[in-house]
Amino acid sequence: MDGVVDGTLRARVTAPAIEGAANQALLRLIADELGVPKRDVRLVAGASSRTKLLVVDGIPADRVLERWPGLKV
């Protein structure tokens, strides 16, 4: 995890961008960081892009901001 830069969370995964492996690794990473089940983290935009938009269900925005201050939510 590289942290928040200009309101955007920067994260790196080692999984290859083949057959969605990198996207799945990102979802697992975010779920682990926030302490929520992976099923609660969804990719809603950017499946084939370096820039992604994720939604985390069942967690208030202030909890996300506690973890990553400065993040645009």
Protein backbone atom coordinates (compact mmCIF):
# COMPACT_ATOMS: atom_id res chain seq x y z
CA MET A 1 0.00 0.00 0.00
CA ASP A 2 1.52 3.29 -1.08
CA GLY A 3 -1.03 5.46 0.78
CA VAL A 4 -3.17 8.38 -0.29
CA VAL A 5 -1.84 10.71 -3.00
CA ASP A 6 -4.00 13.66 -4.12
CA GLY A 7 -7.11 12.04 -2.61
CA THR A 8 -6.55 8.71 -4.33
CA LEU A 9 -5.43 5.50 -2.63
CA ARG A 10 -2.41 3.96 -4.32
CA ALA A 11 -1.96 0.23 -3.96
CA ARG A 12 0.19 -2.36 -5.69
CA VAL A 13 -0.43 -6.05 -6.11
CA THR A 14 1.89 -8.68 -7.51
CA ALA A 15 -0.79 -10.72 -9.27
CA PRO A 16 -0.69 -10.51 -13.06
CA ALA A 17 -3.34 -8.56 -14.95
CA ILE A 18 -4.55 -11.77 -16.57
CA GLU A 19 -8.11 -13.09 -16.25
CA GLY A 20 -8.88 -10.60 -13.47
CA ALA A 21 -6.20 -11.92 -11.08
CA ALA A 22 -4.87 -8.43 -10.27
CA ASN A 23 -8.37 -7.09 -9.65
CA GLN A 24 -9.15 -9.98 -7.30
CA ALA A 25 -5.87 -9.41 -5.46
CA LEU A 26 -6.76 -5.73 -5.04
CA LEU A 27 -10.20 -6.58 -3.65
CA ARG A 28 -8.58 -8.98 -1.14
CA LEU A 29 -6.01 -6.36 -0.15
CA ILE A 30 -8.63 -3.68 0.51
CA ALA A 31 -10.86 -6.12 2.40
CA ASP A 32 -7.94 -7.21 4.58
CA GLU A 33 -6.87 -3.63 5.26
CA LEU A 34 -10.40 -2.65 6.34
CA GLY A 35 -11.17 -5.89 8.17
CA VAL A 36 -14.23 -6.73 6.10
CA PRO A 37 -15.12 -9.84 4.10
CA LYS A 38 -13.94 -9.79 0.48
CA ARG A 39 -17.55 -10.11 -0.67
CA ASP A 40 -18.15 -6.60 0.73
CA VAL A 41 -15.63 -5.00 -1.64
CA ARG A 42 -16.77 -4.51 -5.22
CA LEU A 43 -15.07 -3.18 -8.32
CA VAL A 44 -17.57 -0.86 -10.01
CA ALA A 45 -15.37 0.82 -12.63
CA GLY A 46 -11.96 0.41 -14.19
CA ALA A 47 -11.73 -3.38 -14.51
CA SER A 48 -9.21 -3.04 -17.35
CA SER A 49 -7.66 0.25 -16.23
CA ARG A 50 -4.93 1.18 -13.77
CA THR A 51 -7.46 3.49 -12.08
CA LYS A 52 -10.24 1.65 -10.27
CA LEU A 53 -13.40 2.63 -8.44
CA LEU A 54 -14.30 0.38 -5.53
CA VAL A 55 -17.31 0.26 -3.25
CA VAL A 56 -17.08 -1.17 0.24
CA ASP A 57 -20.45 -2.25 1.62
CA GLY A 58 -21.31 -2.27 5.31
CA ILE A 59 -18.66 0.17 6.47
CA PRO A 60 -19.13 3.87 7.20
CA ALA A 61 -17.03 6.39 5.29
CA ASP A 62 -15.49 7.73 8.53
CA ARG A 63 -13.98 4.30 9.23
CA VAL A 64 -12.38 4.28 5.78
CA LEU A 65 -11.07 7.80 6.40
CA GLU A 66 -9.60 6.73 9.74
CA ARG A 67 -7.56 4.15 7.85
CA TRP A 68 -6.65 6.45 4.94
CA PRO A 69 -6.92 10.15 5.89
CA GLY A 70 -7.23 12.43 2.88
CA LEU A 71 -8.98 9.85 0.72
CA LYS A 72 -11.82 11.18 -1.42
CA VAL A 73 -14.92 9.18 -0.54
